[in-house]
Protein backbone atom coordinates (compact mmCIF):
# COMPACT_ATOMS: atom_id res chain seq x y z
CA UNK A 1 17.52 -0.06 11.56
CA UNK A 2 15.33 -3.07 11.76
CA UNK A 3 11.73 -1.92 11.83
CA UNK A 4 9.34 -0.35 9.38
CA UNK A 5 7.82 2.49 11.42
CA UNK A 6 9.32 4.89 13.93
CA UNK A 7 7.37 7.41 16.00
CA UNK A 8 9.22 10.56 17.04
CA UNK A 9 7.97 13.33 19.32
CA UNK A 10 8.10 16.70 17.55
CA UNK A 11 9.88 18.27 20.54
CA UNK A 12 12.66 15.69 20.47
CA UNK A 13 16.06 17.34 20.47
CA UNK A 14 17.27 14.64 18.08
CA UNK A 15 14.35 15.00 15.66
CA UNK A 16 16.44 16.21 12.72
CA UNK A 17 19.10 13.57 13.38
CA UNK A 18 16.53 10.76 13.67
CA UNK A 19 15.00 11.04 10.21
CA UNK A 20 17.21 10.15 7.23
CA UNK A 21 18.10 13.19 5.12
CA UNK A 22 16.84 11.43 1.99
CA UNK A 23 13.40 10.75 3.50
CA UNK A 24 10.53 11.79 1.26
CA UNK A 25 8.13 14.04 3.15
CA UNK A 26 4.44 13.25 2.70
CA UNK A 27 2.63 16.59 3.07
CA UNK A 28 -0.63 16.36 4.98
CA UNK A 29 -2.93 19.28 5.73
CA UNK A 30 -5.33 19.46 8.63
CA UNK A 31 -7.02 16.11 7.87
CA UNK A 32 -5.44 12.71 7.36
CA UNK A 33 -7.71 10.28 5.59
CA UNK A 34 -7.43 7.80 2.74
CA UNK A 35 -7.99 10.36 -0.02
CA UNK A 36 -5.55 13.00 1.24
CA UNK A 37 -2.96 10.40 2.16
CA UNK A 38 -3.05 8.64 -1.21
CA UNK A 39 -2.92 11.92 -3.15
CA UNK A 40 -0.04 13.25 -1.04
CA UNK A 41 1.86 9.96 -1.14
CA UNK A 42 1.53 9.70 -4.92
CA UNK A 43 2.73 13.24 -5.44
CA UNK A 44 5.61 13.03 -2.93
CA UNK A 45 6.87 9.70 -4.29
CA UNK A 46 6.22 10.61 -7.92
CA UNK A 47 4.03 7.58 -8.54
CA UNK A 48 3.44 6.69 -12.20
CA UNK A 49 0.34 7.83 -14.06
CA UNK A 50 -1.24 4.37 -13.76
CA UNK A 51 -1.49 4.75 -9.95
CA UNK A 52 -5.13 3.85 -9.23
CA UNK A 53 -5.53 5.82 -5.95
CA UNK A 54 -6.33 2.78 -3.84
CA UNK A 55 -4.41 0.91 -1.13
CA UNK A 56 -3.35 -2.02 -3.35
CA UNK A 57 -1.98 0.33 -5.96
CA UNK A 58 -0.15 2.33 -3.27
CA UNK A 59 1.56 -0.88 -2.09
CA UNK A 60 2.51 -1.76 -5.67
CA UNK A 61 3.91 1.69 -6.40
CA UNK A 62 5.79 1.90 -3.09
CA UNK A 63 7.46 -1.44 -3.62
CA UNK A 64 8.29 -0.60 -7.26
CA UNK A 65 9.71 2.82 -6.41
CA UNK A 66 13.20 3.76 -5.31
CA UNK A 67 11.81 5.46 -2.19
CA UNK A 68 13.39 3.88 0.88
CA UNK A 69 12.45 6.41 3.58
CA UNK A 70 9.26 8.34 4.24
CA UNK A 71 8.40 11.07 6.72
CA UNK A 72 4.86 11.84 7.85
CA UNK A 73 4.53 14.85 10.13
CA UNK A 74 1.33 14.75 12.17
CA UNK A 75 2.18 17.74 14.39
CA UNK A 76 -0.32 20.06 12.68
CA UNK A 77 -2.96 17.48 11.73
CA UNK A 78 -6.26 18.13 13.47
CA UNK A 79 -8.32 15.17 12.26
CA UNK A 80 -7.01 11.65 11.73
CA UNK A 81 -9.12 8.87 10.32
CA UNK A 82 -7.62 6.15 12.50
CA UNK A 83 -8.80 3.31 10.27
CA UNK A 84 -7.17 4.85 7.19
CA UNK A 85 -3.97 5.62 9.10
CA UNK A 86 -3.80 2.03 10.36
CA UNK A 87 -4.26 0.67 6.82
CA UNK A 88 -1.42 2.90 5.61
CA UNK A 89 0.86 1.73 8.43
CA UNK A 90 -0.02 -1.87 7.54
CA UNK A 91 0.95 -1.27 3.91
CA UNK A 92 4.31 0.16 4.98
CA UNK A 93 4.92 -2.75 7.36
CA UNK A 94 4.00 -5.36 4.73
CA UNK A 95 6.17 -3.71 2.08
CA UNK A 96 9.07 -3.49 4.51
CA UNK A 97 8.66 -7.14 5.50
CA UNK A 98 8.66 -8.27 1.86
CA UNK A 99 11.11 -5.78 0.29
CA UNK A 100 13.05 -4.11 3.13
CA UNK A 101 11.57 -0.72 2.23
CA UNK A 102 10.17 1.76 2.82
CA UNK A 103 10.73 2.81 6.39
CA UNK A 104 8.40 5.45 7.80
CA UNK A 105 9.13 8.12 10.40
CA UNK A 106 5.98 9.56 11.95
CA UNK A 107 6.41 12.88 13.77
CA UNK A 108 3.80 13.11 16.49
CA UNK A 109 2.69 16.19 18.44
CA UNK A 110 4.16 16.72 21.88
CA UNK A 111 1.76 15.56 24.55
CA UNK A 112 1.21 17.78 27.58
CA UNK A 113 2.33 16.06 30.74
CA UNK A 114 -0.38 16.65 33.32
């Protein structure tokens, strides 16, 4: 695969086949923002104790870790801070461009077709 981020519809029949089995799941509750994302990412990826809970430190820890695949399921998320989500995606893209990892699979809610 040659890109950093993949978006997959939660109703996709191939959902379980699309995400690598070794992908680290980033648990997110009802709200996705910088704080919840950094806390969940650090815990899921077992970041070291010196992780400073900021974007620069997240990039450093991601690129230093052995984590190659991430999964972020947004199907149940009710509130997304778009700016924070875009910064996170930028970090993943930059890390992938420089180090070839991680790759991120984002599971998105099924949209009603009206």
